[in-house]
PDB file of all heavy atoms in Angstrom:
ATOM      1  N   ALA A   1      13.413  13.701   5.074  1.00  0.00           N
ATOM      2  CA  ALA A   1      12.449  13.538   6.154  1.00  0.00           C
ATOM      3  C   ALA A   1      11.951  12.098   6.181  1.00  0.00           C
ATOM      4  O   ALA A   1      11.774  11.467   5.138  1.00  0.00           O
ATOM      5  CB  ALA A   1      11.279  14.499   5.972  1.00  0.00           C
ATOM      6  N   MET A   2      11.728  11.573   7.389  1.00  0.00           N
ATOM      7  CA  MET A   2      11.278  10.202   7.529  1.00  0.00           C
ATOM      8  C   MET A   2       9.750  10.144   7.513  1.00  0.00           C
ATOM      9  O   MET A   2       9.073  10.980   8.121  1.00  0.00           O
ATOM     10  CB  MET A   2      11.804   9.590   8.824  1.00  0.00           C
ATOM     11  CG  MET A   2      13.327   9.564   8.921  1.00  0.00           C
ATOM     12  SD  MET A   2      14.114   8.749   7.493  1.00  0.00           S
ATOM     13  CE  MET A   2      13.507   7.070   7.695  1.00  0.00           C
ATOM     14  N   VAL A   3       9.242   9.184   6.798  1.00  0.00           N
ATOM     15  CA  VAL A   3       7.797   8.979   6.688  1.00  0.00           C
ATOM     16  C   VAL A   3       7.494   7.555   7.138  1.00  0.00           C
ATOM     17  O   VAL A   3       8.051   6.597   6.598  1.00  0.00           O
ATOM     18  CB  VAL A   3       7.311   9.183   5.232  1.00  0.00           C
ATOM     19  CG1 VAL A   3       5.810   8.940   5.143  1.00  0.00           C
ATOM     20  CG2 VAL A   3       7.673  10.573   4.731  1.00  0.00           C
ATOM     21  N   LYS A   4       6.608   7.414   8.117  1.00  0.00           N
ATOM     22  CA  LYS A   4       6.214   6.088   8.572  1.00  0.00           C
ATOM     23  C   LYS A   4       5.108   5.552   7.671  1.00  0.00           C
ATOM     24  O   LYS A   4       4.086   6.215   7.473  1.00  0.00           O
ATOM     25  CB  LYS A   4       5.745   6.134  10.023  1.00  0.00           C
ATOM     26  CG  LYS A   4       6.857   6.454  11.013  1.00  0.00           C
ATOM     27  CD  LYS A   4       6.354   6.409  12.449  1.00  0.00           C
ATOM     28  CE  LYS A   4       7.494   6.673  13.432  1.00  0.00           C
ATOM     29  NZ  LYS A   4       7.017   6.626  14.836  1.00  0.00           N
ATOM     30  N   ALA A   5       5.314   4.346   7.146  1.00  0.00           N
ATOM     31  CA  ALA A   5       4.348   3.732   6.238  1.00  0.00           C
ATOM     32  C   ALA A   5       3.801   2.452   6.849  1.00  0.00           C
ATOM     33  O   ALA A   5       4.562   1.591   7.289  1.00  0.00           O
ATOM     34  CB  ALA A   5       5.007   3.422   4.894  1.00  0.00           C
ATOM     35  N   SER A   6       2.475   2.350   6.870  1.00  0.00           N
ATOM     36  CA  SER A   6       1.815   1.109   7.259  1.00  0.00           C
ATOM     37  C   SER A   6       1.350   0.399   5.992  1.00  0.00           C
ATOM     38  O   SER A   6       0.727   1.022   5.123  1.00  0.00           O
ATOM     39  CB  SER A   6       0.607   1.394   8.163  1.00  0.00           C
ATOM     40  OG  SER A   6       1.025   2.004   9.363  1.00  0.00           O
ATOM     41  N   ILE A   7       1.652  -0.887   5.890  1.00  0.00           N
ATOM     42  CA  ILE A   7       1.320  -1.652   4.696  1.00  0.00           C
ATOM     43  C   ILE A   7       0.098  -2.516   4.985  1.00  0.00           C
ATOM     44  O   ILE A   7       0.087  -3.280   5.959  1.00  0.00           O
ATOM     45  CB  ILE A   7       2.498  -2.545   4.249  1.00  0.00           C
ATOM     46  CG1 ILE A   7       3.808  -1.745   4.225  1.00  0.00           C
ATOM     47  CG2 ILE A   7       2.202  -3.170   2.896  1.00  0.00           C
ATOM     48  CD1 ILE A   7       3.816  -0.552   3.298  1.00  0.00           C
ATOM     49  N   TYR A   8      -0.918  -2.386   4.137  1.00  0.00           N
ATOM     50  CA  TYR A   8      -2.161  -3.128   4.304  1.00  0.00           C
ATOM     51  C   TYR A   8      -2.397  -4.034   3.102  1.00  0.00           C
ATOM     52  O   TYR A   8      -2.055  -3.686   1.962  1.00  0.00           O
ATOM     53  CB  TYR A   8      -3.356  -2.178   4.447  1.00  0.00           C
ATOM     54  CG  TYR A   8      -3.345  -1.376   5.725  1.00  0.00           C
ATOM     55  CD1 TYR A   8      -2.688  -0.145   5.798  1.00  0.00           C
ATOM     56  CD2 TYR A   8      -4.001  -1.843   6.863  1.00  0.00           C
ATOM     57  CE1 TYR A   8      -2.681   0.598   6.973  1.00  0.00           C
ATOM     58  CE2 TYR A   8      -3.995  -1.104   8.045  1.00  0.00           C
ATOM     59  CZ  TYR A   8      -3.336   0.109   8.097  1.00  0.00           C
ATOM     60  OH  TYR A   8      -3.332   0.826   9.264  1.00  0.00           O
ATOM     61  N   ALA A   9      -3.027  -5.179   3.381  1.00  0.00           N
ATOM     62  CA  ALA A   9      -3.444  -6.104   2.325  1.00  0.00           C
ATOM     63  C   ALA A   9      -4.958  -6.056   2.220  1.00  0.00           C
ATOM     64  O   ALA A   9      -5.665  -6.241   3.220  1.00  0.00           O
ATOM     65  CB  ALA A   9      -2.991  -7.524   2.638  1.00  0.00           C
ATOM     66  N   ILE A  10      -5.451  -5.793   1.015  1.00  0.00           N
ATOM     67  CA  ILE A  10      -6.889  -5.810   0.743  1.00  0.00           C
ATOM     68  C   ILE A  10      -7.207  -7.100   0.013  1.00  0.00           C
ATOM     69  O   ILE A  10      -6.635  -7.382  -1.048  1.00  0.00           O
ATOM     70  CB  ILE A  10      -7.316  -4.595  -0.093  1.00  0.00           C
ATOM     71  CG1 ILE A  10      -6.997  -3.300   0.654  1.00  0.00           C
ATOM     72  CG2 ILE A  10      -8.801  -4.673  -0.432  1.00  0.00           C
ATOM     73  CD1 ILE A  10      -7.281  -2.040  -0.151  1.00  0.00           C
ATOM     74  N   ASN A  11      -8.108  -7.885   0.570  1.00  0.00           N
ATOM     75  CA  ASN A  11      -8.489  -9.172  -0.011  1.00  0.00           C
ATOM     76  C   ASN A  11      -9.935  -9.138  -0.480  1.00  0.00           C
ATOM     77  O   ASN A  11     -10.767  -8.448   0.103  1.00  0.00           O
ATOM     78  CB  ASN A  11      -8.333 -10.298   1.011  1.00  0.00           C
ATOM     79  CG  ASN A  11      -6.885 -10.668   1.257  1.00  0.00           C
ATOM     80  OD1 ASN A  11      -6.276 -11.378   0.479  1.00  0.00           O
ATOM     81  ND2 ASN A  11      -6.333 -10.159   2.353  1.00  0.00           N
ATOM     82  N   GLY A  12     -10.211  -9.933  -1.527  1.00  0.00           N
ATOM     83  CA  GLY A  12     -11.580 -10.115  -1.994  1.00  0.00           C
ATOM     84  C   GLY A  12     -11.843  -9.640  -3.394  1.00  0.00           C
ATOM     85  O   GLY A  12     -12.917  -9.890  -3.946  1.00  0.00           O
ATOM     86  N   ILE A  13     -10.860  -8.938  -3.997  1.00  0.00           N
ATOM     87  CA  ILE A  13     -11.064  -8.446  -5.362  1.00  0.00           C
ATOM     88  C   ILE A  13     -10.528  -9.452  -6.366  1.00  0.00           C
ATOM     89  O   ILE A  13     -11.217  -9.824  -7.325  1.00  0.00           O
ATOM     90  CB  ILE A  13     -10.376  -7.083  -5.559  1.00  0.00           C
ATOM     91  CG1 ILE A  13     -10.904  -6.070  -4.546  1.00  0.00           C
ATOM     92  CG2 ILE A  13     -10.599  -6.576  -6.983  1.00  0.00           C
ATOM     93  CD1 ILE A  13     -10.137  -4.775  -4.513  1.00  0.00           C
ATOM     94  N   GLU A  14      -9.302  -9.879  -6.151  1.00  0.00           N
ATOM     95  CA  GLU A  14      -8.656 -10.861  -7.011  1.00  0.00           C
ATOM     96  C   GLU A  14      -8.315 -12.094  -6.172  1.00  0.00           C
ATOM     97  O   GLU A  14      -8.621 -12.157  -4.985  1.00  0.00           O
ATOM     98  CB  GLU A  14      -7.380 -10.263  -7.628  1.00  0.00           C
ATOM     99  CG  GLU A  14      -7.574  -8.952  -8.363  1.00  0.00           C
ATOM    100  CD  GLU A  14      -8.320  -9.087  -9.670  1.00  0.00           C
ATOM    101  OE1 GLU A  14      -8.444 -10.232 -10.162  1.00  0.00           O
ATOM    102  OE2 GLU A  14      -8.770  -8.057 -10.205  1.00  0.00           O
ATOM    103  N   LEU A  15      -7.657 -13.067  -6.787  1.00  0.00           N
ATOM    104  CA  LEU A  15      -7.220 -14.237  -6.031  1.00  0.00           C
ATOM    105  C   LEU A  15      -6.131 -13.880  -5.027  1.00  0.00           C
ATOM    106  O   LEU A  15      -5.985 -14.537  -4.003  1.00  0.00           O
ATOM    107  CB  LEU A  15      -6.710 -15.316  -6.984  1.00  0.00           C
ATOM    108  CG  LEU A  15      -7.784 -16.088  -7.740  1.00  0.00           C
ATOM    109  CD1 LEU A  15      -7.148 -17.007  -8.769  1.00  0.00           C
ATOM    110  CD2 LEU A  15      -8.655 -16.886  -6.789  1.00  0.00           C
ATOM    111  N   ASP A  16      -5.356 -12.861  -5.342  1.00  0.00           N
ATOM    112  CA  ASP A  16      -4.281 -12.424  -4.455  1.00  0.00           C
ATOM    113  C   ASP A  16      -4.649 -11.098  -3.806  1.00  0.00           C
ATOM    114  O   ASP A  16      -5.437 -10.320  -4.352  1.00  0.00           O
ATOM    115  CB  ASP A  16      -2.983 -12.236  -5.240  1.00  0.00           C
ATOM    116  CG  ASP A  16      -2.487 -13.538  -5.814  1.00  0.00           C
ATOM    117  OD1 ASP A  16      -2.431 -14.522  -5.068  1.00  0.00           O
ATOM    118  OD2 ASP A  16      -2.171 -13.568  -7.018  1.00  0.00           O
ATOM    119  N   PRO A  17      -4.083 -10.782  -2.657  1.00  0.00           N
ATOM    120  CA  PRO A  17      -4.334  -9.472  -2.050  1.00  0.00           C
ATOM    121  C   PRO A  17      -3.671  -8.355  -2.835  1.00  0.00           C
ATOM    122  O   PRO A  17      -2.705  -8.571  -3.566  1.00  0.00           O
ATOM    123  CB  PRO A  17      -3.694  -9.612  -0.664  1.00  0.00           C
ATOM    124  CG  PRO A  17      -2.658 -10.664  -0.817  1.00  0.00           C
ATOM    125  CD  PRO A  17      -3.185 -11.614  -1.842  1.00  0.00           C
ATOM    126  N   SER A  18      -4.220  -7.162  -2.690  1.00  0.00           N
ATOM    127  CA  SER A  18      -3.592  -5.945  -3.214  1.00  0.00           C
ATOM    128  C   SER A  18      -3.001  -5.194  -2.037  1.00  0.00           C
ATOM    129  O   SER A  18      -3.647  -5.052  -0.992  1.00  0.00           O
ATOM    130  CB  SER A  18      -4.627  -5.071  -3.926  1.00  0.00           C
ATOM    131  OG  SER A  18      -5.221  -5.761  -4.997  1.00  0.00           O
ATOM    132  N   TYR A  19      -1.765  -4.698  -2.194  1.00  0.00           N
ATOM    133  CA  TYR A  19      -1.063  -4.045  -1.095  1.00  0.00           C
ATOM    134  C   TYR A  19      -1.067  -2.532  -1.277  1.00  0.00           C
ATOM    135  O   TYR A  19      -0.784  -2.020  -2.371  1.00  0.00           O
ATOM    136  CB  TYR A  19       0.381  -4.534  -1.020  1.00  0.00           C
ATOM    137  CG  TYR A  19       0.502  -6.012  -0.735  1.00  0.00           C
ATOM    138  CD1 TYR A  19       1.054  -6.881  -1.674  1.00  0.00           C
ATOM    139  CD2 TYR A  19       0.056  -6.551   0.477  1.00  0.00           C
ATOM    140  CE1 TYR A  19       1.163  -8.235  -1.417  1.00  0.00           C
ATOM    141  CE2 TYR A  19       0.163  -7.905   0.741  1.00  0.00           C
ATOM    142  CZ  TYR A  19       0.717  -8.743  -0.214  1.00  0.00           C
ATOM    143  OH  TYR A  19       0.823 -10.087   0.035  1.00  0.00           O
ATOM    144  N   ILE A  20      -1.359  -1.812  -0.197  1.00  0.00           N
ATOM    145  CA  ILE A  20      -1.374  -0.356  -0.233  1.00  0.00           C
ATOM    146  C   ILE A  20      -0.638   0.177   0.991  1.00  0.00           C
ATOM    147  O   ILE A  20      -0.707  -0.406   2.084  1.00  0.00           O
ATOM    148  CB  ILE A  20      -2.817   0.184  -0.299  1.00  0.00           C
ATOM    149  CG1 ILE A  20      -2.810   1.699  -0.531  1.00  0.00           C
ATOM    150  CG2 ILE A  20      -3.625  -0.209   0.927  1.00  0.00           C
ATOM    151  CD1 ILE A  20      -4.147   2.244  -0.978  1.00  0.00           C
ATOM    152  N   ALA A  21       0.099   1.270   0.794  1.00  0.00           N
ATOM    153  CA  ALA A  21       0.865   1.903   1.874  1.00  0.00           C
ATOM    154  C   ALA A  21       0.172   3.196   2.285  1.00  0.00           C
ATOM    155  O   ALA A  21      -0.138   4.041   1.437  1.00  0.00           O
ATOM    156  CB  ALA A  21       2.290   2.184   1.412  1.00  0.00           C
ATOM    157  N   LEU A  22      -0.051   3.368   3.587  1.00  0.00           N
ATOM    158  CA  LEU A  22      -0.659   4.578   4.138  1.00  0.00           C
ATOM    159  C   LEU A  22       0.293   5.216   5.136  1.00  0.00           C
ATOM    160  O   LEU A  22       1.055   4.521   5.812  1.00  0.00           O
ATOM    161  CB  LEU A  22      -1.978   4.246   4.846  1.00  0.00           C
ATOM    162  CG  LEU A  22      -3.038   3.475   4.053  1.00  0.00           C
ATOM    163  CD1 LEU A  22      -4.278   3.272   4.911  1.00  0.00           C
ATOM    164  CD2 LEU A  22      -3.377   4.167   2.751  1.00  0.00           C
ATOM    165  N   ASP A  23       0.231   6.549   5.229  1.00  0.00           N
ATOM    166  CA  ASP A  23       1.060   7.221   6.228  1.00  0.00           C
ATOM    167  C   ASP A  23       0.346   7.212   7.580  1.00  0.00           C
ATOM    168  O   ASP A  23      -0.730   6.621   7.741  1.00  0.00           O
ATOM    169  CB  ASP A  23       1.441   8.626   5.772  1.00  0.00           C
ATOM    170  CG  ASP A  23       0.244   9.567   5.655  1.00  0.00           C
ATOM    171  OD1 ASP A  23      -0.823   9.264   6.233  1.00  0.00           O
ATOM    172  OD2 ASP A  23       0.388  10.613   4.987  1.00  0.00           O
ATOM    173  N   ASN A  24       0.938   7.888   8.582  1.00  0.00           N
ATOM    174  CA  ASN A  24       0.366   7.809   9.931  1.00  0.00           C
ATOM    175  C   ASN A  24      -0.938   8.585  10.073  1.00  0.00           C
ATOM    176  O   ASN A  24      -1.620   8.488  11.100  1.00  0.00           O
ATOM    177  CB  ASN A  24       1.389   8.259  10.982  1.00  0.00           C
ATOM    178  CG  ASN A  24       1.886   9.673  10.721  1.00  0.00           C
ATOM    179  OD1 ASN A  24       1.446  10.355   9.802  1.00  0.00           O
ATOM    180  ND2 ASN A  24       2.830  10.100  11.553  1.00  0.00           N
ATOM    181  N   LYS A  25      -1.317   9.362   9.051  1.00  0.00           N
ATOM    182  CA  LYS A  25      -2.623  10.026   9.032  1.00  0.00           C
ATOM    183  C   LYS A  25      -3.608   9.289   8.132  1.00  0.00           C
ATOM    184  O   LYS A  25      -4.673   9.789   7.820  1.00  0.00           O
ATOM    185  CB  LYS A  25      -2.456  11.469   8.555  1.00  0.00           C
ATOM    186  CG  LYS A  25      -1.640  12.337   9.498  1.00  0.00           C
ATOM    187  CD  LYS A  25      -1.558  13.769   8.989  1.00  0.00           C
ATOM    188  CE  LYS A  25      -0.759  14.638   9.954  1.00  0.00           C
ATOM    189  NZ  LYS A  25      -0.660  16.049   9.466  1.00  0.00           N
ATOM    190  N   HIS A  26      -3.211   8.097   7.707  1.00  0.00           N
ATOM    191  CA  HIS A  26      -4.019   7.263   6.813  1.00  0.00           C
ATOM    192  C   HIS A  26      -4.244   7.912   5.452  1.00  0.00           C
ATOM    193  O   HIS A  26      -5.277   7.704   4.815  1.00  0.00           O
ATOM    194  CB  HIS A  26      -5.355   6.886   7.463  1.00  0.00           C
ATOM    195  CG  HIS A  26      -5.227   5.703   8.374  1.00  0.00           C
ATOM    196  ND1 HIS A  26      -6.292   5.138   9.033  1.00  0.00           N
ATOM    197  CD2 HIS A  26      -4.142   4.972   8.750  1.00  0.00           C
ATOM    198  CE1 HIS A  26      -5.877   4.117   9.763  1.00  0.00           C
ATOM    199  NE2 HIS A  26      -4.574   4.003   9.614  1.00  0.00           N
ATOM    200  N   ASN A  27      -3.257   8.702   5.014  1.00  0.00           N
ATOM    201  CA  ASN A  27      -3.256   9.187   3.637  1.00  0.00           C
ATOM    202  C   ASN A  27      -2.466   8.212   2.769  1.00  0.00           C
ATOM    203  O   ASN A  27      -1.573   7.507   3.258  1.00  0.00           O
ATOM    204  CB  ASN A  27      -2.632  10.580   3.549  1.00  0.00           C
ATOM    205  CG  ASN A  27      -3.463  11.612   4.270  1.00  0.00           C
ATOM    206  OD1 ASN A  27      -4.691  11.627   4.151  1.00  0.00           O
ATOM    207  ND2 ASN A  27      -2.808  12.476   5.029  1.00  0.00           N
ATOM    208  N   MET A  28      -2.778   8.202   1.482  1.00  0.00           N
ATOM    209  CA  MET A  28      -2.141   7.238   0.584  1.00  0.00           C
ATOM    210  C   MET A  28      -0.682   7.603   0.316  1.00  0.00           C
ATOM    211  O   MET A  28      -0.366   8.729  -0.053  1.00  0.00           O
ATOM    212  CB  MET A  28      -2.898   7.165  -0.744  1.00  0.00           C
ATOM    213  CG  MET A  28      -2.295   6.164  -1.723  1.00  0.00           C
ATOM    214  SD  MET A  28      -3.345   5.949  -3.184  1.00  0.00           S
ATOM    215  CE  MET A  28      -2.290   4.873  -4.196  1.00  0.00           C
ATOM    216  N   LEU A  29       0.199   6.636   0.519  1.00  0.00           N
ATOM    217  CA  LEU A  29       1.598   6.759   0.107  1.00  0.00           C
ATOM    218  C   LEU A  29       1.837   6.037  -1.207  1.00  0.00           C
ATOM    219  O   LEU A  29       2.650   6.473  -2.013  1.00  0.00           O
ATOM    220  CB  LEU A  29       2.521   6.172   1.178  1.00  0.00           C
ATOM    221  CG  LEU A  29       2.655   6.957   2.472  1.00  0.00           C
ATOM    222  CD1 LEU A  29       3.471   6.166   3.479  1.00  0.00           C
ATOM    223  CD2 LEU A  29       3.299   8.315   2.208  1.00  0.00           C
ATOM    224  N   GLY A  30       1.150   4.898  -1.396  1.00  0.00           N
ATOM    225  CA  GLY A  30       1.373   4.196  -2.653  1.00  0.00           C
ATOM    226  C   GLY A  30       0.651   2.870  -2.744  1.00  0.00           C
ATOM    227  O   GLY A  30       0.215   2.303  -1.742  1.00  0.00           O
ATOM    228  N   TYR A  31       0.506   2.417  -3.967  1.00  0.00           N
ATOM    229  CA  TYR A  31       0.107   1.037  -4.274  1.00  0.00           C
ATOM    230  C   TYR A  31       1.393   0.291  -4.582  1.00  0.00           C
ATOM    231  O   TYR A  31       2.248   0.798  -5.328  1.00  0.00           O
ATOM    232  CB  TYR A  31      -0.831   0.999  -5.482  1.00  0.00           C
ATOM    233  CG  TYR A  31      -0.898  -0.366  -6.136  1.00  0.00           C
ATOM    234  CD1 TYR A  31      -1.681  -1.374  -5.594  1.00  0.00           C
ATOM    235  CD2 TYR A  31      -0.142  -0.655  -7.271  1.00  0.00           C
ATOM    236  CE1 TYR A  31      -1.720  -2.636  -6.166  1.00  0.00           C
ATOM    237  CE2 TYR A  31      -0.181  -1.910  -7.855  1.00  0.00           C
ATOM    238  CZ  TYR A  31      -0.972  -2.895  -7.300  1.00  0.00           C
ATOM    239  OH  TYR A  31      -0.999  -4.140  -7.872  1.00  0.00           O
ATOM    240  N   ILE A  32       1.555  -0.919  -4.022  1.00  0.00           N
ATOM    241  CA  ILE A  32       2.832  -1.605  -4.221  1.00  0.00           C
ATOM    242  C   ILE A  32       2.615  -3.040  -4.693  1.00  0.00           C
ATOM    243  O   ILE A  32       1.682  -3.723  -4.286  1.00  0.00           O
ATOM    244  CB  ILE A  32       3.703  -1.587  -2.941  1.00  0.00           C
ATOM    245  CG1 ILE A  32       3.087  -2.430  -1.821  1.00  0.00           C
ATOM    246  CG2 ILE A  32       3.910  -0.154  -2.473  1.00  0.00           C
ATOM    247  CD1 ILE A  32       4.002  -2.565  -0.602  1.00  0.00           C
ATOM    248  N   SER A  33       3.485  -3.459  -5.589  1.00  0.00           N
ATOM    249  CA  SER A  33       3.577  -4.852  -6.036  1.00  0.00           C
ATOM    250  C   SER A  33       5.040  -5.099  -6.373  1.00  0.00           C
ATOM    251  O   SER A  33       5.846  -4.156  -6.410  1.00  0.00           O
ATOM    252  CB  SER A  33       2.670  -5.088  -7.253  1.00  0.00           C
ATOM    253  OG  SER A  33       3.228  -4.511  -8.415  1.00  0.00           O
ATOM    254  N   PRO A  34       5.430  -6.341  -6.643  1.00  0.00           N
ATOM    255  CA  PRO A  34       6.853  -6.598  -6.885  1.00  0.00           C
ATOM    256  C   PRO A  34       7.440  -5.860  -8.084  1.00  0.00           C
ATOM    257  O   PRO A  34       8.640  -5.593  -8.108  1.00  0.00           O
ATOM    258  CB  PRO A  34       6.887  -8.118  -7.099  1.00  0.00           C
ATOM    259  CG  PRO A  34       5.763  -8.631  -6.273  1.00  0.00           C
ATOM    260  CD  PRO A  34       4.674  -7.601  -6.444  1.00  0.00           C
ATOM    261  N   ARG A  35       6.626  -5.509  -9.081  1.00  0.00           N
ATOM    262  CA  ARG A  35       7.190  -4.858 -10.265  1.00  0.00           C
ATOM    263  C   ARG A  35       6.534  -3.520 -10.588  1.00  0.00           C
ATOM    264  O   ARG A  35       7.076  -2.737 -11.352  1.00  0.00           O
ATOM    265  CB  ARG A  35       7.059  -5.784 -11.484  1.00  0.00           C
ATOM    266  CG  ARG A  35       7.825  -7.088 -11.353  1.00  0.00           C
ATOM    267  CD  ARG A  35       7.823  -7.855 -12.657  1.00  0.00           C
ATOM    268  NE  ARG A  35       8.590  -7.178 -13.677  1.00  0.00           N
ATOM    269  CZ  ARG A  35       8.283  -7.203 -14.976  1.00  0.00           C
ATOM    270  NH1 ARG A  35       7.231  -7.858 -15.395  1.00  0.00           N
ATOM    271  NH2 ARG A  35       9.037  -6.572 -15.856  1.00  0.00           N
ATOM    272  N   PHE A  36       5.352  -3.261 -10.049  1.00  0.00           N
ATOM    273  CA  PHE A  36       4.583  -2.066 -10.402  1.00  0.00           C
ATOM    274  C   PHE A  36       4.274  -1.303  -9.129  1.00  0.00           C
ATOM    275  O   PHE A  36       3.630  -1.831  -8.225  1.00  0.00           O
ATOM    276  CB  PHE A  36       3.296  -2.491 -11.112  1.00  0.00           C
ATOM    277  CG  PHE A  36       2.497  -1.358 -11.694  1.00  0.00           C
ATOM    278  CD1 PHE A  36       2.701  -0.952 -12.993  1.00  0.00           C
ATOM    279  CD2 PHE A  36       1.523  -0.717 -10.941  1.00  0.00           C
ATOM    280  CE1 PHE A  36       1.945   0.078 -13.541  1.00  0.00           C
ATOM    281  CE2 PHE A  36       0.772   0.316 -11.473  1.00  0.00           C
ATOM    282  CZ  PHE A  36       0.980   0.714 -12.786  1.00  0.00           C
ATOM    283  N   VAL A  37       4.747  -0.048  -9.057  1.00  0.00           N
ATOM    284  CA  VAL A  37       4.569   0.759  -7.856  1.00  0.00           C
ATOM    285  C   VAL A  37       3.999   2.113  -8.253  1.00  0.00           C
ATOM    286  O   VAL A  37       4.451   2.738  -9.213  1.00  0.00           O
ATOM    287  CB  VAL A  37       5.913   0.958  -7.118  1.00  0.00           C
ATOM    288  CG1 VAL A  37       5.772   1.951  -5.973  1.00  0.00           C
ATOM    289  CG2 VAL A  37       6.439  -0.374  -6.603  1.00  0.00           C
ATOM    290  N   VAL A  38       2.980   2.565  -7.536  1.00  0.00           N
ATOM    291  CA  VAL A  38       2.470   3.932  -7.669  1.00  0.00           C
ATOM    292  C   VAL A  38       2.771   4.619  -6.344  1.00  0.00           C
ATOM    293  O   VAL A  38       2.263   4.210  -5.296  1.00  0.00           O
ATOM    294  CB  VAL A  38       0.963   3.939  -7.961  1.00  0.00           C
ATOM    295  CG1 VAL A  38       0.453   5.371  -8.095  1.00  0.00           C
ATOM    296  CG2 VAL A  38       0.652   3.150  -9.235  1.00  0.00           C
ATOM    297  N   ILE A  39       3.623   5.655  -6.378  1.00  0.00           N
ATOM    298  CA  ILE A  39       4.184   6.187  -5.132  1.00  0.00           C
ATOM    299  C   ILE A  39       4.080   7.708  -5.098  1.00  0.00           C
ATOM    300  O   ILE A  39       4.195   8.384  -6.135  1.00  0.00           O
ATOM    301  CB  ILE A  39       5.657   5.724  -4.980  1.00  0.00           C
ATOM    302  CG1 ILE A  39       6.181   6.000  -3.589  1.00  0.00           C
ATOM    303  CG2 ILE A  39       6.536   6.333  -6.056  1.00  0.00           C
ATOM    304  CD1 ILE A  39       7.501   5.297  -3.290  1.00  0.00           C
TER     305      ILE A  39
END
C-alpha cells in the first residue's frame, strides 16, 4: 500500500533542523536523519 509522507523541518532546538515525516492525517511516520531513522 502507498503512504504519502510529508517531510517537515523543525528548527530552534539544535543548530541543525530535525526532520520528521507525517502522513496525510498528520500522524507520525518517522523521525529521519542520514544514519538514524525511527519509522
